[in-house]
Amino acid sequence: MIIQEKEGMVLSMDGTGGNTHFQLEFSVGNPHYDLRKVIDMKIYELMHIVNTDVIEDMVYIHKPTSNTEPFSVCLTFKRFGAELGISQKYLCSKTIVAKFSDDGLCYRSEQCEKPNYVDVGDAEPMLASKGDLEVVFETPHLAKVNYKFSMTLDEDMPPYMLKLPGLLMSKIFLRVKTFIERMT
């Protein structure tokens, strides 16, 4: 079921089987840049830079040294939904590179444990988080992005709030898309 269409991005949700799964699809283009050099392992850094009002901190647990090496990252989100009793959240994920070539890339991420040395304050972990990010470079200047993911903010989340993780990620990726398209 489509829950949002905004600025060329389509966010859909499937809540069957007790788990909520999301899919975010969009195209991104910039005639001035080779997107294969912009959309790569540093995508988390870009997400943080253009979403400082949503993502409080980004720390590499294991920083990649090449575009094909697995990496782990911890994102601490700013608190949202406090009036609804949602605590501040963080997400630690390990990402493997399933594909990296001139015509596309595919990253598979799964939630991982937060190391003790990573300080997230009183933030609590998101639950059951995993995702597949697939990017197909149609030309060096145009890419199609398909992000399939699931995450739960809170075990006791009421049904009317199940869309919130999808809308949050949609907001984050819309800003990344807008930033890339406006680079000159």
C-alpha atoms as a PDB file:
ATOM      1  CA  MET A   1       0.000   0.000   0.000  1.00  0.00           C
ATOM      2  CA  ILE A   2       1.387   3.408  -0.986  1.00  0.00           C
ATOM      3  CA  ILE A   3       1.549   5.705   2.023  1.00  0.00           C
ATOM      4  CA  GLN A   4       3.351   8.692   0.501  1.00  0.00           C
ATOM      5  CA  GLU A   5       4.240  10.122  -2.909  1.00  0.00           C
ATOM      6  CA  LYS A   6       6.406  13.215  -2.665  1.00  0.00           C
ATOM      7  CA  GLU A   7       8.781  14.908  -5.105  1.00  0.00           C
ATOM      8  CA  GLY A   8       9.230  11.792  -7.223  1.00  0.00           C
ATOM      9  CA  MET A   9       9.623   9.452  -4.250  1.00  0.00           C
ATOM     10  CA  VAL A  10       7.173   6.641  -3.580  1.00  0.00           C
ATOM     11  CA  LEU A  11       6.974   5.107  -0.103  1.00  0.00           C
ATOM     12  CA  SER A  12       4.956   1.935   0.305  1.00  0.00           C
ATOM     13  CA  MET A  13       4.286  -0.270   3.310  1.00  0.00           C
ATOM     14  CA  ASP A  14       3.360  -3.914   3.841  1.00  0.00           C
ATOM     15  CA  GLY A  15       2.274  -4.825   7.337  1.00  0.00           C
ATOM     16  CA  THR A  16       1.320  -8.450   6.782  1.00  0.00           C
ATOM     17  CA  GLY A  17       2.701 -11.239   8.968  1.00  0.00           C
ATOM     18  CA  GLY A  18       3.178  -9.085  12.055  1.00  0.00           C
ATOM     19  CA  ASN A  19       6.161  -7.180  10.641  1.00  0.00           C
ATOM     20  CA  THR A  20       6.068  -3.812   8.931  1.00  0.00           C
ATOM     21  CA  HIS A  21       8.146  -3.618   5.749  1.00  0.00           C
ATOM     22  CA  PHE A  22       8.720  -0.474   3.719  1.00  0.00           C
ATOM     23  CA  GLN A  23       9.893   0.234   0.200  1.00  0.00           C
ATOM     24  CA  LEU A  24      11.163   3.609  -0.969  1.00  0.00           C
ATOM     25  CA  GLU A  25      11.675   4.136  -4.721  1.00  0.00           C
ATOM     26  CA  PHE A  26      12.968   7.182  -6.560  1.00  0.00           C
ATOM     27  CA  SER A  27      15.286   8.436  -9.287  1.00  0.00           C
ATOM     28  CA  VAL A  28      18.062  10.921  -8.692  1.00  0.00           C
ATOM     29  CA  GLY A  29      20.048  12.805 -11.297  1.00  0.00           C
ATOM     30  CA  ASN A  30      22.634  15.504 -11.722  1.00  0.00           C
ATOM     31  CA  PRO A  31      24.128  16.381 -15.128  1.00  0.00           C
ATOM     32  CA  HIS A  32      27.257  17.846 -13.479  1.00  0.00           C
ATOM     33  CA  TYR A  33      28.379  14.817 -11.462  1.00  0.00           C
ATOM     34  CA  ASP A  34      29.133  11.155 -12.007  1.00  0.00           C
ATOM     35  CA  LEU A  35      26.729   9.710  -9.439  1.00  0.00           C
ATOM     36  CA  ARG A  36      28.837   6.552  -9.160  1.00  0.00           C
ATOM     37  CA  LYS A  37      31.320   8.735  -7.240  1.00  0.00           C
ATOM     38  CA  VAL A  38      28.644  10.325  -5.052  1.00  0.00           C
ATOM     39  CA  ILE A  39      26.460   7.352  -4.091  1.00  0.00           C
ATOM     40  CA  ASP A  40      28.777   4.856  -2.436  1.00  0.00           C
ATOM     41  CA  MET A  41      29.936   3.677   0.998  1.00  0.00           C
ATOM     42  CA  LYS A  42      29.797   7.245   2.306  1.00  0.00           C
ATOM     43  CA  ILE A  43      26.012   7.374   1.973  1.00  0.00           C
ATOM     44  CA  TYR A  44      25.628   7.365   5.777  1.00  0.00           C
ATOM     45  CA  GLU A  45      27.903  10.386   6.061  1.00  0.00           C
ATOM     46  CA  LEU A  46      25.814  12.225   3.478  1.00  0.00           C
ATOM     47  CA  MET A  47      22.606  11.217   5.281  1.00  0.00           C
ATOM     48  CA  HIS A  48      24.003  12.718   8.493  1.00  0.00           C
ATOM     49  CA  ILE A  49      25.312  15.915   6.890  1.00  0.00           C
ATOM     50  CA  VAL A  50      22.005  16.847   5.244  1.00  0.00           C
ATOM     51  CA  ASN A  51      19.813  15.717   8.164  1.00  0.00           C
ATOM     52  CA  THR A  52      21.431  17.234  11.250  1.00  0.00           C
ATOM     53  CA  ASP A  53      17.998  18.078  12.655  1.00  0.00           C
ATOM     54  CA  VAL A  54      17.041  14.364  12.497  1.00  0.00           C
ATOM     55  CA  ILE A  55      20.363  12.525  12.983  1.00  0.00           C
ATOM     56  CA  GLU A  56      22.247  13.735  16.048  1.00  0.00           C
ATOM     57  CA  ASP A  57      25.409  11.709  15.486  1.00  0.00           C
ATOM     58  CA  MET A  58      26.977   9.175  13.151  1.00  0.00           C
ATOM     59  CA  VAL A  59      29.887   7.005  14.276  1.00  0.00           C
ATOM     60  CA  TYR A  60      31.646   4.310  12.304  1.00  0.00           C
ATOM     61  CA  ILE A  61      32.002   1.117  14.313  1.00  0.00           C
ATOM     62  CA  HIS A  62      34.057  -0.315  11.466  1.00  0.00           C
ATOM     63  CA  LYS A  63      35.017   2.232   8.808  1.00  0.00           C
ATOM     64  CA  PRO A  64      35.447   0.896   5.280  1.00  0.00           C
ATOM     65  CA  THR A  65      38.670   1.475   3.409  1.00  0.00           C
ATOM     66  CA  SER A  66      37.216   0.542   0.018  1.00  0.00           C
ATOM     67  CA  ASN A  67      33.815   0.511  -1.690  1.00  0.00           C
ATOM     68  CA  THR A  68      33.588  -3.286  -1.486  1.00  0.00           C
ATOM     69  CA  GLU A  69      34.472  -3.760   2.176  1.00  0.00           C
ATOM     70  CA  PRO A  70      31.792  -4.401   4.842  1.00  0.00           C
ATOM     71  CA  PHE A  71      31.273  -1.596   7.326  1.00  0.00           C
ATOM     72  CA  SER A  72      29.326  -0.863  10.498  1.00  0.00           C
ATOM     73  CA  VAL A  73      27.837   2.402  11.632  1.00  0.00           C
ATOM     74  CA  CYS A  74      25.800   3.758  14.546  1.00  0.00           C
ATOM     75  CA  LEU A  75      23.272   6.549  13.975  1.00  0.00           C
ATOM     76  CA  THR A  76      21.841   8.386  16.962  1.00  0.00           C
ATOM     77  CA  PHE A  77      18.576  10.102  16.087  1.00  0.00           C
ATOM     78  CA  LYS A  78      17.340  13.279  17.704  1.00  0.00           C
ATOM     79  CA  ARG A  79      14.327  12.666  19.867  1.00  0.00           C
ATOM     80  CA  PHE A  80      11.016  12.773  18.051  1.00  0.00           C
ATOM     81  CA  GLY A  81       7.601  11.700  19.263  1.00  0.00           C
ATOM     82  CA  ALA A  82       8.351  12.577  22.898  1.00  0.00           C
ATOM     83  CA  GLU A  83       4.750  13.709  23.360  1.00  0.00           C
ATOM     84  CA  LEU A  84       3.698  10.175  22.391  1.00  0.00           C
ATOM     85  CA  GLY A  85       6.124   8.533  24.814  1.00  0.00           C
ATOM     86  CA  ILE A  86       8.751   7.539  22.232  1.00  0.00           C
ATOM     87  CA  SER A  87      12.255   7.611  23.685  1.00  0.00           C
ATOM     88  CA  GLN A  88      15.292   8.808  21.758  1.00  0.00           C
ATOM     89  CA  LYS A  89      16.523   6.084  19.378  1.00  0.00           C
ATOM     90  CA  TYR A  90      19.754   4.836  17.881  1.00  0.00           C
ATOM     91  CA  LEU A  91      20.474   2.340  15.140  1.00  0.00           C
ATOM     92  CA  CYS A  92      23.651   0.291  14.766  1.00  0.00           C
ATOM     93  CA  SER A  93      23.929  -1.667  11.557  1.00  0.00           C
ATOM     94  CA  LYS A  94      26.447  -3.855   9.800  1.00  0.00           C
ATOM     95  CA  THR A  95      26.431  -3.479   6.031  1.00  0.00           C
ATOM     96  CA  ILE A  96      27.799  -5.889   3.468  1.00  0.00           C
ATOM     97  CA  VAL A  97      28.364  -4.937  -0.122  1.00  0.00           C
ATOM     98  CA  ALA A  98      26.429  -7.467  -2.185  1.00  0.00           C
ATOM     99  CA  LYS A  99      27.274  -5.705  -5.453  1.00  0.00           C
ATOM    100  CA  PHE A 100      29.488  -2.812  -6.479  1.00  0.00           C
ATOM    101  CA  SER A 101      30.071  -2.085 -10.147  1.00  0.00           C
ATOM    102  CA  ASP A 102      29.798   0.706 -12.714  1.00  0.00           C
ATOM    103  CA  ASP A 103      26.161  -0.201 -13.388  1.00  0.00           C
ATOM    104  CA  GLY A 104      24.977  -0.391  -9.784  1.00  0.00           C
ATOM    105  CA  LEU A 105      25.409  -1.318  -6.173  1.00  0.00           C
ATOM    106  CA  CYS A 106      23.541  -3.228  -3.515  1.00  0.00           C
ATOM    107  CA  TYR A 107      24.078  -2.872   0.225  1.00  0.00           C
ATOM    108  CA  ARG A 108      22.517  -5.281   2.732  1.00  0.00           C
ATOM    109  CA  SER A 109      22.266  -4.021   6.301  1.00  0.00           C
ATOM    110  CA  GLU A 110      21.275  -5.769   9.504  1.00  0.00           C
ATOM    111  CA  GLN A 111      21.052  -4.464  13.011  1.00  0.00           C
ATOM    112  CA  CYS A 112      24.111  -5.189  15.142  1.00  0.00           C
ATOM    113  CA  GLU A 113      25.084  -4.718  18.763  1.00  0.00           C
ATOM    114  CA  LYS A 114      26.318  -1.334  19.887  1.00  0.00           C
ATOM    115  CA  PRO A 115      29.873  -1.511  21.219  1.00  0.00           C
ATOM    116  CA  ASN A 116      30.351  -0.157  24.748  1.00  0.00           C
ATOM    117  CA  TYR A 117      32.675   2.611  23.536  1.00  0.00           C
ATOM    118  CA  VAL A 118      29.915   4.179  21.392  1.00  0.00           C
ATOM    119  CA  ASP A 119      28.082   6.747  23.528  1.00  0.00           C
ATOM    120  CA  VAL A 120      24.413   7.233  22.654  1.00  0.00           C
ATOM    121  CA  GLY A 121      23.399   8.735  25.992  1.00  0.00           C
ATOM    122  CA  ASP A 122      19.994   7.475  27.125  1.00  0.00           C
ATOM    123  CA  ALA A 123      18.865   6.548  23.601  1.00  0.00           C
ATOM    124  CA  GLU A 124      17.317   3.120  23.098  1.00  0.00           C
ATOM    125  CA  PRO A 125      17.883   0.853  20.094  1.00  0.00           C
ATOM    126  CA  MET A 126      15.471   0.622  17.213  1.00  0.00           C
ATOM    127  CA  LEU A 127      14.130  -2.893  16.926  1.00  0.00           C
ATOM    128  CA  ALA A 128      14.235  -5.476  14.135  1.00  0.00           C
ATOM    129  CA  SER A 129      16.042  -3.211  11.697  1.00  0.00           C
ATOM    130  CA  LYS A 130      17.315  -4.444   8.357  1.00  0.00           C
ATOM    131  CA  GLY A 131      17.431  -3.124   4.832  1.00  0.00           C
ATOM    132  CA  ASP A 132      18.541  -3.588   1.243  1.00  0.00           C
ATOM    133  CA  LEU A 133      19.631  -0.516  -0.701  1.00  0.00           C
ATOM    134  CA  GLU A 134      19.860  -1.091  -4.444  1.00  0.00           C
ATOM    135  CA  VAL A 135      21.056   1.595  -6.841  1.00  0.00           C
ATOM    136  CA  VAL A 136      21.014   1.126 -10.612  1.00  0.00           C
ATOM    137  CA  PHE A 137      23.059   3.668 -12.568  1.00  0.00           C
ATOM    138  CA  GLU A 138      21.109   4.159 -15.793  1.00  0.00           C
ATOM    139  CA  THR A 139      23.770   6.632 -16.912  1.00  0.00           C
ATOM    140  CA  PRO A 140      26.666   8.150 -14.982  1.00  0.00           C
ATOM    141  CA  HIS A 141      24.326  11.058 -14.190  1.00  0.00           C
ATOM    142  CA  LEU A 142      21.052   9.229 -13.446  1.00  0.00           C
ATOM    143  CA  ALA A 143      20.309   6.527 -10.884  1.00  0.00           C
ATOM    144  CA  LYS A 144      17.245   4.603  -9.760  1.00  0.00           C
ATOM    145  CA  VAL A 145      17.145   3.864  -6.042  1.00  0.00           C
ATOM    146  CA  ASN A 146      15.136   1.113  -4.359  1.00  0.00           C
ATOM    147  CA  TYR A 147      15.391   0.847  -0.584  1.00  0.00           C
ATOM    148  CA  LYS A 148      13.535  -2.033   1.094  1.00  0.00           C
ATOM    149  CA  PHE A 149      13.674  -1.947   4.860  1.00  0.00           C
ATOM    150  CA  SER A 150      12.002  -2.751   8.131  1.00  0.00           C
ATOM    151  CA  MET A 151      12.427  -1.170  11.528  1.00  0.00           C
ATOM    152  CA  THR A 152      10.370  -0.781  14.644  1.00  0.00           C
ATOM    153  CA  LEU A 153      10.708   2.221  16.931  1.00  0.00           C
ATOM    154  CA  ASP A 154       9.006   0.657  19.938  1.00  0.00           C
ATOM    155  CA  GLU A 155       7.487  -2.733  20.745  1.00  0.00           C
ATOM    156  CA  ASP A 156       4.349  -1.096  22.111  1.00  0.00           C
ATOM    157  CA  MET A 157       3.781   1.250  19.184  1.00  0.00           C
ATOM    158  CA  PRO A 158       0.079   1.779  18.478  1.00  0.00           C
ATOM    159  CA  PRO A 159      -1.132   0.767  14.998  1.00  0.00           C
ATOM    160  CA  TYR A 160      -1.667   4.358  13.840  1.00  0.00           C
ATOM    161  CA  MET A 161       2.094   5.006  14.290  1.00  0.00           C
ATOM    162  CA  LEU A 162       3.377   2.056  12.259  1.00  0.00           C
ATOM    163  CA  LYS A 163       4.081   4.382   9.295  1.00  0.00           C
ATOM    164  CA  LEU A 164       6.452   6.559  11.323  1.00  0.00           C
ATOM    165  CA  PRO A 165       9.731   4.678  10.563  1.00  0.00           C
ATOM    166  CA  GLY A 166       8.940   4.757   6.835  1.00  0.00           C
ATOM    167  CA  LEU A 167       8.112   8.451   6.889  1.00  0.00           C
ATOM    168  CA  LEU A 168      11.310   9.164   8.835  1.00  0.00           C
ATOM    169  CA  MET A 169      13.494   7.357   6.286  1.00  0.00           C
ATOM    170  CA  SER A 170      11.587   9.001   3.432  1.00  0.00           C
ATOM    171  CA  LYS A 171      12.397  12.418   4.897  1.00  0.00           C
ATOM    172  CA  ILE A 172      16.080  11.498   5.261  1.00  0.00           C
ATOM    173  CA  PHE A 173      16.392  10.187   1.697  1.00  0.00           C
ATOM    174  CA  LEU A 174      14.412  13.097   0.208  1.00  0.00           C
ATOM    175  CA  ARG A 175      17.023  15.465   1.612  1.00  0.00           C
ATOM    176  CA  VAL A 176      19.848  13.301   0.217  1.00  0.00           C
ATOM    177  CA  LYS A 177      18.134  13.277  -3.203  1.00  0.00           C
ATOM    178  CA  THR A 178      17.595  17.058  -3.126  1.00  0.00           C
ATOM    179  CA  PHE A 179      21.219  17.683  -2.094  1.00  0.00           C
ATOM    180  CA  ILE A 180      22.578  15.513  -4.925  1.00  0.00           C
ATOM    181  CA  GLU A 181      20.304  17.101  -7.518  1.00  0.00           C
ATOM    182  CA  ARG A 182      21.300  20.634  -6.478  1.00  0.00           C
ATOM    183  CA  MET A 183      25.081  20.093  -6.488  1.00  0.00           C
ATOM    184  CA  THR A 184      26.783  22.337  -9.039  1.00  0.00           C
END
